[in-house]
Amino acid sequence: MSKRSMQVQETMYCGIDVSARSLTVAMQRVHQPVEQRSFPNTSVGHKALIVWLRKAKSPVRVSLEATGIYSLDLAFALDAAEGIEVAVLNPKVANRFAQTIRRSKTDAADAEVLAEYTRRMPFTGWVAPSSASLRLRSIVRHVESLSVQSAQNQNRLHAARGSSSIPGCIVRDLKRSVASLELRIHKLRREAMALVRLDDLLRKRFELLVSIPGIAQVSAMQLLAELATLPPDLTVREWVAHSGLDPAHEISGSSVRKASRISRAGNRHLRRALYMPALVASRCDPHAKAFLRASWLETKPAYRRSLLLRGSCSMPYMGSFEAA
């Protein structure tokens, strides 16, 4: 049976609460009691879950929360199974829905809430990203964490050199640590570049990104890693919201009128990748300078200017993805 031809009235609704070791599953049919099962969060457990879901010989819609590496393999297994549709939910969305229908919080209760969400709310199927884009994102995020460690150790090294009370062995150890981290970062960036060159779509998008003024290889790789895993049919507004750069307003009646701010509800890695390009654009790109003048942003603090520019600068980057 084609996944696109599933009839909602014949569908079973399933919610899965994912943890590191186990999957708590709640299965719901309309006007029937909820069935509960538990499976190990392993490849064997995923196969057993799929067999159990197929026993009823009806199409199944499954919702689970995005919990990083703990839910990713499960999502791939369910997406590949015939007769099963899967939705991967933002945990905030699931939590806010749960607050309206239950007070207790247990794994079983969470699974029931996800099953109820699947039945009541509009279902948006998960679009599985390519394996190459997932590998690239893993490498780039690991490089980001190593870069943070390197910066911390460089700061410690600078402070140690300026103090006569710090033993020389600590200074030498910090030097070795910084050198080792920089070497690891360099090797991983080469691995990421090799991965991009092997994939035609990634390579084309990377070339488009580096063609934009203010985007060099490091920033392009960070942007590509975060954007390549997104569904291709997202609108510009959805891309900006995903980055957490969409405006959040708080106005109520005549007494509450707070300053607007960015929501910061999206991808922090993407916001960080956009920081330096936005800063460069604010100083060197005539279009960005004109935007600043037209919107009176020049009088605002530098950090706020960079935040607002990141939202506007993200649009051409996303346009380059559509061109690819």
C-alpha atoms as a PDB file:
ATOM      1  CA  MET A   1       0.000   0.000   0.000  1.00  0.00           C
ATOM      2  CA  SER A   2       1.325   3.428  -0.914  1.00  0.00           C
ATOM      3  CA  LYS A   3       2.004   5.698   2.059  1.00  0.00           C
ATOM      4  CA  ARG A   4       0.318   8.568   0.203  1.00  0.00           C
ATOM      5  CA  SER A   5      -2.932   6.620  -0.245  1.00  0.00           C
ATOM      6  CA  MET A   6      -3.513   5.819   3.433  1.00  0.00           C
ATOM      7  CA  GLN A   7      -7.018   6.675   4.570  1.00  0.00           C
ATOM      8  CA  VAL A   8      -7.154   8.529   7.875  1.00  0.00           C
ATOM      9  CA  GLN A   9     -10.341   6.806   9.051  1.00  0.00           C
ATOM     10  CA  GLU A  10      -8.678   3.370   8.760  1.00  0.00           C
ATOM     11  CA  THR A  11      -5.425   4.355  10.375  1.00  0.00           C
ATOM     12  CA  MET A  12      -4.026   3.300  13.741  1.00  0.00           C
ATOM     13  CA  TYR A  13      -2.326   6.027  15.757  1.00  0.00           C
ATOM     14  CA  CYS A  14       0.883   5.360  17.621  1.00  0.00           C
ATOM     15  CA  GLY A  15       3.050   7.377  19.983  1.00  0.00           C
ATOM     16  CA  ILE A  16       6.579   6.381  20.972  1.00  0.00           C
ATOM     17  CA  ASP A  17       8.457   7.778  23.953  1.00  0.00           C
ATOM     18  CA  VAL A  18      12.158   7.353  23.157  1.00  0.00           C
ATOM     19  CA  SER A  19      14.912   6.973  25.726  1.00  0.00           C
ATOM     20  CA  ALA A  20      18.504   5.802  25.451  1.00  0.00           C
ATOM     21  CA  ARG A  21      17.664   2.161  26.219  1.00  0.00           C
ATOM     22  CA  SER A  22      13.958   1.629  25.621  1.00  0.00           C
ATOM     23  CA  LEU A  23      10.957   2.565  23.500  1.00  0.00           C
ATOM     24  CA  THR A  24       7.601   2.933  25.263  1.00  0.00           C
ATOM     25  CA  VAL A  25       4.850   2.533  22.680  1.00  0.00           C
ATOM     26  CA  ALA A  26       1.155   3.406  22.843  1.00  0.00           C
ATOM     27  CA  MET A  27      -1.167   2.246  20.057  1.00  0.00           C
ATOM     28  CA  GLN A  28      -4.622   3.784  19.634  1.00  0.00           C
ATOM     29  CA  ARG A  29      -7.592   3.046  17.426  1.00  0.00           C
ATOM     30  CA  VAL A  30     -10.643   5.292  17.352  1.00  0.00           C
ATOM     31  CA  HIS A  31     -13.085   4.330  20.151  1.00  0.00           C
ATOM     32  CA  GLN A  32     -10.830   1.527  21.425  1.00  0.00           C
ATOM     33  CA  PRO A  33      -8.577   1.269  24.506  1.00  0.00           C
ATOM     34  CA  VAL A  34      -4.911   2.116  24.194  1.00  0.00           C
ATOM     35  CA  GLU A  35      -2.424  -0.750  23.838  1.00  0.00           C
ATOM     36  CA  GLN A  36       0.954  -0.343  25.558  1.00  0.00           C
ATOM     37  CA  ARG A  37       4.190  -2.154  24.734  1.00  0.00           C
ATOM     38  CA  SER A  38       7.895  -1.660  25.395  1.00  0.00           C
ATOM     39  CA  PHE A  39      10.840  -2.488  23.125  1.00  0.00           C
ATOM     40  CA  PRO A  40      14.607  -2.077  23.462  1.00  0.00           C
ATOM     41  CA  ASN A  41      16.039   0.896  21.571  1.00  0.00           C
ATOM     42  CA  THR A  42      18.264  -1.249  19.373  1.00  0.00           C
ATOM     43  CA  SER A  43      18.116  -2.423  15.766  1.00  0.00           C
ATOM     44  CA  VAL A  44      16.578  -5.705  16.966  1.00  0.00           C
ATOM     45  CA  GLY A  45      14.007  -3.773  19.013  1.00  0.00           C
ATOM     46  CA  HIS A  46      13.167  -1.593  16.007  1.00  0.00           C
ATOM     47  CA  LYS A  47      12.460  -4.691  13.883  1.00  0.00           C
ATOM     48  CA  ALA A  48      10.288  -6.186  16.628  1.00  0.00           C
ATOM     49  CA  LEU A  49       8.343  -2.929  16.906  1.00  0.00           C
ATOM     50  CA  ILE A  50       7.687  -2.841  13.156  1.00  0.00           C
ATOM     51  CA  VAL A  51       6.462  -6.461  13.222  1.00  0.00           C
ATOM     52  CA  TRP A  52       4.085  -5.598  16.099  1.00  0.00           C
ATOM     53  CA  LEU A  53       2.764  -2.527  14.311  1.00  0.00           C
ATOM     54  CA  ARG A  54       2.070  -4.543  11.162  1.00  0.00           C
ATOM     55  CA  LYS A  55       0.096  -7.270  12.966  1.00  0.00           C
ATOM     56  CA  ALA A  56      -3.164  -5.341  12.671  1.00  0.00           C
ATOM     57  CA  LYS A  57      -2.705  -5.137   8.861  1.00  0.00           C
ATOM     58  CA  SER A  58      -3.763  -1.486   8.887  1.00  0.00           C
ATOM     59  CA  PRO A  59      -1.795   1.635   7.987  1.00  0.00           C
ATOM     60  CA  VAL A  60      -0.098   3.204  10.998  1.00  0.00           C
ATOM     61  CA  ARG A  61       0.840   6.780  11.764  1.00  0.00           C
ATOM     62  CA  VAL A  62       3.585   7.160  14.345  1.00  0.00           C
ATOM     63  CA  SER A  63       4.726  10.280  16.216  1.00  0.00           C
ATOM     64  CA  LEU A  64       7.896  10.552  18.250  1.00  0.00           C
ATOM     65  CA  GLU A  65       9.899  13.428  19.644  1.00  0.00           C
ATOM     66  CA  ALA A  66      13.216  14.485  18.158  1.00  0.00           C
ATOM     67  CA  THR A  67      15.746  13.300  20.723  1.00  0.00           C
ATOM     68  CA  GLY A  68      18.931  13.425  18.662  1.00  0.00           C
ATOM     69  CA  ILE A  69      20.820  10.184  18.158  1.00  0.00           C
ATOM     70  CA  TYR A  70      18.381   8.198  20.316  1.00  0.00           C
ATOM     71  CA  SER A  71      15.457   8.718  17.913  1.00  0.00           C
ATOM     72  CA  LEU A  72      17.242   9.040  14.555  1.00  0.00           C
ATOM     73  CA  ASP A  73      17.834   5.340  13.820  1.00  0.00           C
ATOM     74  CA  LEU A  74      14.267   4.541  14.871  1.00  0.00           C
ATOM     75  CA  ALA A  75      12.887   7.237  12.554  1.00  0.00           C
ATOM     76  CA  PHE A  76      14.872   5.805   9.627  1.00  0.00           C
ATOM     77  CA  ALA A  77      13.643   2.265  10.370  1.00  0.00           C
ATOM     78  CA  LEU A  78       9.989   3.335  10.570  1.00  0.00           C
ATOM     79  CA  ASP A  79      10.248   5.525   7.472  1.00  0.00           C
ATOM     80  CA  ALA A  80      11.613   2.597   5.456  1.00  0.00           C
ATOM     81  CA  ALA A  81       8.824   0.231   6.600  1.00  0.00           C
ATOM     82  CA  GLU A  82       5.883  -0.236   4.258  1.00  0.00           C
ATOM     83  CA  GLY A  83       2.508   0.881   5.621  1.00  0.00           C
ATOM     84  CA  ILE A  84       3.987   3.109   8.339  1.00  0.00           C
ATOM     85  CA  GLU A  85       4.166   6.907   8.315  1.00  0.00           C
ATOM     86  CA  VAL A  86       6.336   8.685  10.852  1.00  0.00           C
ATOM     87  CA  ALA A  87       6.338  12.253  12.179  1.00  0.00           C
ATOM     88  CA  VAL A  88       9.273  13.583  14.196  1.00  0.00           C
ATOM     89  CA  LEU A  89       7.968  16.322  16.490  1.00  0.00           C
ATOM     90  CA  ASN A  90       9.615  19.306  18.087  1.00  0.00           C
ATOM     91  CA  PRO A  91       9.697  18.405  21.817  1.00  0.00           C
ATOM     92  CA  LYS A  92       8.296  21.844  22.696  1.00  0.00           C
ATOM     93  CA  VAL A  93       5.229  21.216  20.541  1.00  0.00           C
ATOM     94  CA  ALA A  94       4.606  17.830  22.151  1.00  0.00           C
ATOM     95  CA  ASN A  95       5.151  19.210  25.651  1.00  0.00           C
ATOM     96  CA  ARG A  96       2.696  22.079  25.188  1.00  0.00           C
ATOM     97  CA  PHE A  97       0.099  19.685  23.803  1.00  0.00           C
ATOM     98  CA  ALA A  98       0.683  17.337  26.751  1.00  0.00           C
ATOM     99  CA  GLN A  99       0.104  20.122  29.290  1.00  0.00           C
ATOM    100  CA  THR A 100      -3.460  20.522  28.011  1.00  0.00           C
ATOM    101  CA  ILE A 101      -4.546  16.886  28.482  1.00  0.00           C
ATOM    102  CA  ARG A 102      -2.593  15.336  31.373  1.00  0.00           C
ATOM    103  CA  ARG A 103      -0.928  16.102  34.677  1.00  0.00           C
ATOM    104  CA  SER A 104       1.289  13.059  35.220  1.00  0.00           C
ATOM    105  CA  LYS A 105       4.592  12.593  33.427  1.00  0.00           C
ATOM    106  CA  THR A 106       5.760   9.046  32.911  1.00  0.00           C
ATOM    107  CA  ASP A 107       7.089   7.226  29.851  1.00  0.00           C
ATOM    108  CA  ALA A 108       3.728   5.491  29.379  1.00  0.00           C
ATOM    109  CA  ALA A 109       1.802   8.767  29.758  1.00  0.00           C
ATOM    110  CA  ASP A 110       4.112  10.513  27.289  1.00  0.00           C
ATOM    111  CA  ALA A 111       3.580   7.740  24.732  1.00  0.00           C
ATOM    112  CA  GLU A 112      -0.204   8.043  25.119  1.00  0.00           C
ATOM    113  CA  VAL A 113       0.018  11.803  24.643  1.00  0.00           C
ATOM    114  CA  LEU A 114       1.987  11.331  21.420  1.00  0.00           C
ATOM    115  CA  ALA A 115      -0.597   8.825  20.174  1.00  0.00           C
ATOM    116  CA  GLU A 116      -3.368  11.302  20.962  1.00  0.00           C
ATOM    117  CA  TYR A 117      -1.421  14.059  19.196  1.00  0.00           C
ATOM    118  CA  THR A 118      -1.135  11.820  16.125  1.00  0.00           C
ATOM    119  CA  ARG A 119      -4.897  11.260  16.103  1.00  0.00           C
ATOM    120  CA  ARG A 120      -6.025  14.828  16.730  1.00  0.00           C
ATOM    121  CA  MET A 121      -3.507  17.080  15.015  1.00  0.00           C
ATOM    122  CA  PRO A 122      -2.615  17.564  11.318  1.00  0.00           C
ATOM    123  CA  PHE A 123      -0.023  14.952  10.390  1.00  0.00           C
ATOM    124  CA  THR A 124       3.197  16.081   8.703  1.00  0.00           C
ATOM    125  CA  GLY A 125       5.319  13.174   7.579  1.00  0.00           C
ATOM    126  CA  TRP A 126       9.045  13.206   8.272  1.00  0.00           C
ATOM    127  CA  VAL A 127      11.285  13.663   5.234  1.00  0.00           C
ATOM    128  CA  ALA A 128      14.399  11.574   5.776  1.00  0.00           C
ATOM    129  CA  PRO A 129      17.618  13.482   4.991  1.00  0.00           C
ATOM    130  CA  SER A 130      20.339  11.873   2.892  1.00  0.00           C
ATOM    131  CA  SER A 131      23.041   9.876   4.646  1.00  0.00           C
ATOM    132  CA  ALA A 132      25.715  12.193   3.211  1.00  0.00           C
ATOM    133  CA  SER A 133      24.069  15.309   4.679  1.00  0.00           C
ATOM    134  CA  LEU A 134      23.742  13.619   8.084  1.00  0.00           C
ATOM    135  CA  ARG A 135      27.409  12.591   8.071  1.00  0.00           C
ATOM    136  CA  LEU A 136      28.402  16.121   7.100  1.00  0.00           C
ATOM    137  CA  ARG A 137      26.337  17.620   9.930  1.00  0.00           C
ATOM    138  CA  SER A 138      27.892  15.234  12.457  1.00  0.00           C
ATOM    139  CA  ILE A 139      31.421  16.146  11.354  1.00  0.00           C
ATOM    140  CA  VAL A 140      30.790  19.899  11.324  1.00  0.00           C
ATOM    141  CA  ARG A 141      29.099  19.889  14.753  1.00  0.00           C
ATOM    142  CA  HIS A 142      32.004  17.885  16.160  1.00  0.00           C
ATOM    143  CA  VAL A 143      34.400  20.453  14.682  1.00  0.00           C
ATOM    144  CA  GLU A 144      32.326  23.185  16.338  1.00  0.00           C
ATOM    145  CA  SER A 145      32.671  21.522  19.749  1.00  0.00           C
ATOM    146  CA  LEU A 146      36.433  21.080  19.241  1.00  0.00           C
ATOM    147  CA  SER A 147      36.720  24.745  18.243  1.00  0.00           C
ATOM    148  CA  VAL A 148      35.038  25.760  21.495  1.00  0.00           C
ATOM    149  CA  GLN A 149      37.505  23.602  23.450  1.00  0.00           C
ATOM    150  CA  SER A 150      40.431  25.093  21.516  1.00  0.00           C
ATOM    151  CA  ALA A 151      39.291  28.646  22.264  1.00  0.00           C
ATOM    152  CA  GLN A 152      38.917  27.806  25.962  1.00  0.00           C
ATOM    153  CA  ASN A 153      42.410  26.307  26.119  1.00  0.00           C
ATOM    154  CA  GLN A 154      43.896  29.266  24.267  1.00  0.00           C
ATOM    155  CA  ASN A 155      42.334  31.588  26.831  1.00  0.00           C
ATOM    156  CA  ARG A 156      43.755  29.451  29.638  1.00  0.00           C
ATOM    157  CA  LEU A 157      47.164  29.463  27.954  1.00  0.00           C
ATOM    158  CA  HIS A 158      47.103  33.251  27.621  1.00  0.00           C
ATOM    159  CA  ALA A 159      46.224  33.611  31.317  1.00  0.00           C
ATOM    160  CA  ALA A 160      48.881  31.064  32.359  1.00  0.00           C
ATOM    161  CA  ARG A 161      51.609  32.854  30.435  1.00  0.00           C
ATOM    162  CA  GLY A 162      50.760  36.097  32.205  1.00  0.00           C
ATOM    163  CA  SER A 163      51.089  34.663  35.710  1.00  0.00           C
ATOM    164  CA  SER A 164      54.364  33.755  37.397  1.00  0.00           C
ATOM    165  CA  SER A 165      52.517  31.450  39.825  1.00  0.00           C
ATOM    166  CA  ILE A 166      51.520  28.970  37.084  1.00  0.00           C
ATOM    167  CA  PRO A 167      54.021  26.108  36.715  1.00  0.00           C
ATOM    168  CA  GLY A 168      55.729  25.702  33.352  1.00  0.00           C
ATOM    169  CA  CYS A 169      54.405  22.150  33.014  1.00  0.00           C
ATOM    170  CA  ILE A 170      50.845  23.523  32.794  1.00  0.00           C
ATOM    171  CA  VAL A 171      51.834  26.004  30.098  1.00  0.00           C
ATOM    172  CA  ARG A 172      53.493  23.239  28.076  1.00  0.00           C
ATOM    173  CA  ASP A 173      50.489  20.943  28.516  1.00  0.00           C
ATOM    174  CA  LEU A 174      48.109  23.681  27.328  1.00  0.00           C
ATOM    175  CA  LYS A 175      50.317  24.289  24.281  1.00  0.00           C
ATOM    176  CA  ARG A 176      50.194  20.596  23.397  1.00  0.00           C
ATOM    177  CA  SER A 177      46.434  20.530  23.931  1.00  0.00           C
ATOM    178  CA  VAL A 178      45.850  23.523  21.644  1.00  0.00           C
ATOM    179  CA  ALA A 179      48.147  22.086  18.945  1.00  0.00           C
ATOM    180  CA  SER A 180      46.397  18.706  19.143  1.00  0.00           C
ATOM    181  CA  LEU A 181      42.932  20.257  18.880  1.00  0.00           C
ATOM    182  CA  GLU A 182      43.924  22.409  15.910  1.00  0.00           C
ATOM    183  CA  LEU A 183      45.338  19.345  14.125  1.00  0.00           C
ATOM    184  CA  ARG A 184      42.142  17.358  14.763  1.00  0.00           C
ATOM    185  CA  ILE A 185      40.009  20.269  13.506  1.00  0.00           C
ATOM    186  CA  HIS A 186      42.116  20.506  10.338  1.00  0.00           C
ATOM    187  CA  LYS A 187      41.773  16.765   9.631  1.00  0.00           C
ATOM    188  CA  LEU A 188      38.027  16.769  10.218  1.00  0.00           C
ATOM    189  CA  ARG A 189      37.526  19.766   7.916  1.00  0.00           C
ATOM    190  CA  ARG A 190      39.402  17.890   5.200  1.00  0.00           C
ATOM    191  CA  GLU A 191      37.086  14.900   5.755  1.00  0.00           C
ATOM    192  CA  ALA A 192      34.056  17.181   5.460  1.00  0.00           C
ATOM    193  CA  MET A 193      35.355  18.729   2.237  1.00  0.00           C
ATOM    194  CA  ALA A 194      36.015  15.277   0.761  1.00  0.00           C
ATOM    195  CA  LEU A 195      32.448  14.271   1.639  1.00  0.00           C
ATOM    196  CA  VAL A 196      31.054  17.381  -0.089  1.00  0.00           C
ATOM    197  CA  ARG A 197      33.073  16.728  -3.251  1.00  0.00           C
ATOM    198  CA  LEU A 198      31.713  13.173  -3.498  1.00  0.00           C
ATOM    199  CA  ASP A 199      28.053  14.299  -3.424  1.00  0.00           C
ATOM    200  CA  ASP A 200      26.877  16.285  -6.480  1.00  0.00           C
ATOM    201  CA  LEU A 201      24.086  18.155  -4.675  1.00  0.00           C
ATOM    202  CA  LEU A 202      26.246  19.069  -1.678  1.00  0.00           C
ATOM    203  CA  ARG A 203      29.063  20.189  -3.955  1.00  0.00           C
ATOM    204  CA  LYS A 204      26.762  22.400  -6.036  1.00  0.00           C
ATOM    205  CA  ARG A 205      25.251  24.006  -2.927  1.00  0.00           C
ATOM    206  CA  PHE A 206      28.686  24.550  -1.400  1.00  0.00           C
ATOM    207  CA  GLU A 207      29.882  26.311  -4.557  1.00  0.00           C
ATOM    208  CA  LEU A 208      26.803  28.549  -4.530  1.00  0.00           C
ATOM    209  CA  LEU A 209      27.376  29.456  -0.875  1.00  0.00           C
ATOM    210  CA  VAL A 210      31.032  30.424  -1.334  1.00  0.00           C
ATOM    211  CA  SER A 211      30.022  32.586  -4.315  1.00  0.00           C
ATOM    212  CA  ILE A 212      28.098  34.887  -1.930  1.00  0.00           C
ATOM    213  CA  PRO A 213      30.196  37.865  -0.704  1.00  0.00           C
ATOM    214  CA  GLY A 214      31.195  37.368   2.934  1.00  0.00           C
ATOM    215  CA  ILE A 215      30.958  33.561   2.833  1.00  0.00           C
ATOM    216  CA  ALA A 216      34.245  31.650   2.898  1.00  0.00           C
ATOM    217  CA  GLN A 217      34.834  27.906   3.182  1.00  0.00           C
ATOM    218  CA  VAL A 218      34.422  27.570   6.961  1.00  0.00           C
ATOM    219  CA  SER A 219      31.137  29.512   7.102  1.00  0.00           C
ATOM    220  CA  ALA A 220      29.859  27.792   3.946  1.00  0.00           C
ATOM    221  CA  MET A 221      30.547  24.370   5.454  1.00  0.00           C
ATOM    222  CA  GLN A 222      28.715  25.292   8.676  1.00  0.00           C
ATOM    223  CA  LEU A 223      25.705  26.642   6.788  1.00  0.00           C
ATOM    224  CA  LEU A 224      25.625  23.690   4.396  1.00  0.00           C
ATOM    225  CA  ALA A 225      25.755  21.163   7.233  1.00  0.00           C
ATOM    226  CA  GLU A 226      22.744  22.695   8.993  1.00  0.00           C
ATOM    227  CA  LEU A 227      20.630  23.443   5.914  1.00  0.00           C
ATOM    228  CA  ALA A 228      21.220  20.294   3.852  1.00  0.00           C
ATOM    229  CA  THR A 229      19.207  18.107   6.239  1.00  0.00           C
ATOM    230  CA  LEU A 230      16.054  20.241   5.947  1.00  0.00           C
ATOM    231  CA  PRO A 231      13.137  19.322   3.648  1.00  0.00           C
ATOM    232  CA  PRO A 232      13.550  20.903   0.200  1.00  0.00           C
ATOM    233  CA  ASP A 233      10.043  22.416   0.122  1.00  0.00           C
ATOM    234  CA  LEU A 234      10.446  24.795   3.090  1.00  0.00           C
ATOM    235  CA  THR A 235       9.557  28.430   2.458  1.00  0.00           C
ATOM    236  CA  VAL A 236      11.897  31.295   3.359  1.00  0.00           C
ATOM    237  CA  ARG A 237       9.734  32.121   6.402  1.00  0.00           C
ATOM    238  CA  GLU A 238       9.993  28.525   7.601  1.00  0.00           C
ATOM    239  CA  TRP A 239      13.775  28.536   7.138  1.00  0.00           C
ATOM    240  CA  VAL A 240      14.104  31.745   9.144  1.00  0.00           C
ATOM    241  CA  ALA A 241      11.844  30.310  11.867  1.00  0.00           C
ATOM    242  CA  HIS A 242      13.939  27.138  11.934  1.00  0.00           C
ATOM    243  CA  SER A 243      17.006  29.246  12.670  1.00  0.00           C
ATOM    244  CA  GLY A 244      15.190  30.989  15.556  1.00  0.00           C
ATOM    245  CA  LEU A 245      15.636  34.384  13.917  1.00  0.00           C
ATOM    246  CA  ASP A 246      11.921  35.074  13.484  1.00  0.00           C
ATOM    247  CA  PRO A 247      10.589  38.040  15.492  1.00  0.00           C
ATOM    248  CA  ALA A 248       8.726  37.430  18.767  1.00  0.00           C
ATOM    249  CA  HIS A 249       6.293  40.142  19.888  1.00  0.00           C
ATOM    250  CA  GLU A 250       4.725  40.571  23.316  1.00  0.00           C
ATOM    251  CA  ILE A 251       1.864  43.063  23.178  1.00  0.00           C
ATOM    252  CA  SER A 252      -1.353  42.867  25.171  1.00  0.00           C
ATOM    253  CA  GLY A 253      -3.884  45.683  25.482  1.00  0.00           C
ATOM    254  CA  SER A 254      -2.408  49.050  26.411  1.00  0.00           C
ATOM    255  CA  SER A 255      -0.312  47.952  29.397  1.00  0.00           C
ATOM    256  CA  VAL A 256       2.024  45.331  27.898  1.00  0.00           C
ATOM    257  CA  ARG A 257       4.201  46.483  25.027  1.00  0.00           C
ATOM    258  CA  LYS A 258       7.642  44.933  25.275  1.00  0.00           C
ATOM    259  CA  ALA A 259      10.417  45.348  22.741  1.00  0.00           C
ATOM    260  CA  SER A 260      10.366  42.756  19.952  1.00  0.00           C
ATOM    261  CA  ARG A 261      13.154  40.194  19.947  1.00  0.00           C
ATOM    262  CA  ILE A 262      14.188  37.130  18.017  1.00  0.00           C
ATOM    263  CA  SER A 263      12.509  33.945  19.205  1.00  0.00           C
ATOM    264  CA  ARG A 264      15.712  31.854  19.578  1.00  0.00           C
ATOM    265  CA  ALA A 265      13.402  28.832  19.329  1.00  0.00           C
ATOM    266  CA  GLY A 266      15.264  27.200  16.460  1.00  0.00           C
ATOM    267  CA  ASN A 267      18.648  25.825  15.482  1.00  0.00           C
ATOM    268  CA  ARG A 268      21.400  27.456  17.576  1.00  0.00           C
ATOM    269  CA  HIS A 269      24.105  25.977  15.331  1.00  0.00           C
ATOM    270  CA  LEU A 270      22.598  27.764  12.333  1.00  0.00           C
ATOM    271  CA  ARG A 271      22.343  31.067  14.205  1.00  0.00           C
ATOM    272  CA  ARG A 272      25.990  30.772  15.176  1.00  0.00           C
ATOM    273  CA  ALA A 273      27.012  30.005  11.578  1.00  0.00           C
ATOM    274  CA  LEU A 274      25.191  33.132  10.380  1.00  0.00           C
ATOM    275  CA  TYR A 275      26.904  35.471  12.862  1.00  0.00           C
ATOM    276  CA  MET A 276      30.195  36.178  11.049  1.00  0.00           C
ATOM    277  CA  PRO A 277      28.630  36.476   7.551  1.00  0.00           C
ATOM    278  CA  ALA A 278      26.102  38.962   8.942  1.00  0.00           C
ATOM    279  CA  LEU A 279      28.849  40.932  10.667  1.00  0.00           C
ATOM    280  CA  VAL A 280      30.957  41.050   7.492  1.00  0.00           C
ATOM    281  CA  ALA A 281      27.916  42.046   5.439  1.00  0.00           C
ATOM    282  CA  SER A 282      27.110  44.907   7.824  1.00  0.00           C
ATOM    283  CA  ARG A 283      30.579  46.359   7.222  1.00  0.00           C
ATOM    284  CA  CYS A 284      31.378  45.482   3.610  1.00  0.00           C
ATOM    285  CA  ASP A 285      28.197  44.702   1.653  1.00  0.00           C
ATOM    286  CA  PRO A 286      26.521  47.840   0.204  1.00  0.00           C
ATOM    287  CA  HIS A 287      23.107  46.146   0.223  1.00  0.00           C
ATOM    288  CA  ALA A 288      23.395  45.305   3.930  1.00  0.00           C
ATOM    289  CA  LYS A 289      24.558  48.845   4.666  1.00  0.00           C
ATOM    290  CA  ALA A 290      21.537  50.197   2.804  1.00  0.00           C
ATOM    291  CA  PHE A 291      19.305  47.881   4.817  1.00  0.00           C
ATOM    292  CA  LEU A 292      20.795  49.230   8.032  1.00  0.00           C
ATOM    293  CA  ARG A 293      20.199  52.815   6.987  1.00  0.00           C
ATOM    294  CA  ALA A 294      16.677  52.167   5.745  1.00  0.00           C
ATOM    295  CA  SER A 295      15.596  50.401   8.937  1.00  0.00           C
ATOM    296  CA  TRP A 296      17.336  52.768  11.368  1.00  0.00           C
ATOM    297  CA  LEU A 297      19.433  49.910  12.758  1.00  0.00           C
ATOM    298  CA  GLU A 298      22.652  51.912  12.759  1.00  0.00           C
ATOM    299  CA  THR A 299      21.655  53.512  16.056  1.00  0.00           C
ATOM    300  CA  LYS A 300      21.175  50.137  17.752  1.00  0.00           C
ATOM    301  CA  PRO A 301      23.877  48.166  19.617  1.00  0.00           C
ATOM    302  CA  ALA A 302      26.224  46.088  17.465  1.00  0.00           C
ATOM    303  CA  TYR A 303      24.933  42.775  18.843  1.00  0.00           C
ATOM    304  CA  ARG A 304      21.303  43.633  18.038  1.00  0.00           C
ATOM    305  CA  ARG A 305      22.327  44.766  14.554  1.00  0.00           C
ATOM    306  CA  SER A 306      23.979  41.397  13.970  1.00  0.00           C
ATOM    307  CA  LEU A 307      20.867  39.537  15.170  1.00  0.00           C
ATOM    308  CA  LEU A 308      18.564  41.432  12.848  1.00  0.00           C
ATOM    309  CA  LEU A 309      20.962  41.179   9.944  1.00  0.00           C
ATOM    310  CA  ARG A 310      21.262  37.431  10.405  1.00  0.00           C
ATOM    311  CA  GLY A 311      17.550  37.089   9.727  1.00  0.00           C
ATOM    312  CA  SER A 312      17.746  39.182   6.566  1.00  0.00           C
ATOM    313  CA  CYS A 313      21.043  37.675   5.395  1.00  0.00           C
ATOM    314  CA  SER A 314      19.701  34.134   5.739  1.00  0.00           C
ATOM    315  CA  MET A 315      17.331  34.704   2.816  1.00  0.00           C
ATOM    316  CA  PRO A 316      19.940  34.828   0.010  1.00  0.00           C
ATOM    317  CA  TYR A 317      21.679  31.753   1.457  1.00  0.00           C
ATOM    318  CA  MET A 318      18.406  29.862   1.380  1.00  0.00           C
ATOM    319  CA  GLY A 319      17.725  31.193  -2.105  1.00  0.00           C
ATOM    320  CA  SER A 320      21.015  29.675  -3.231  1.00  0.00           C
ATOM    321  CA  PHE A 321      19.800  26.280  -1.968  1.00  0.00           C
ATOM    322  CA  GLU A 322      16.622  26.587  -4.020  1.00  0.00           C
ATOM    323  CA  ALA A 323      18.752  27.415  -7.063  1.00  0.00           C
ATOM    324  CA  ALA A 324      20.611  24.131  -6.556  1.00  0.00           C
END
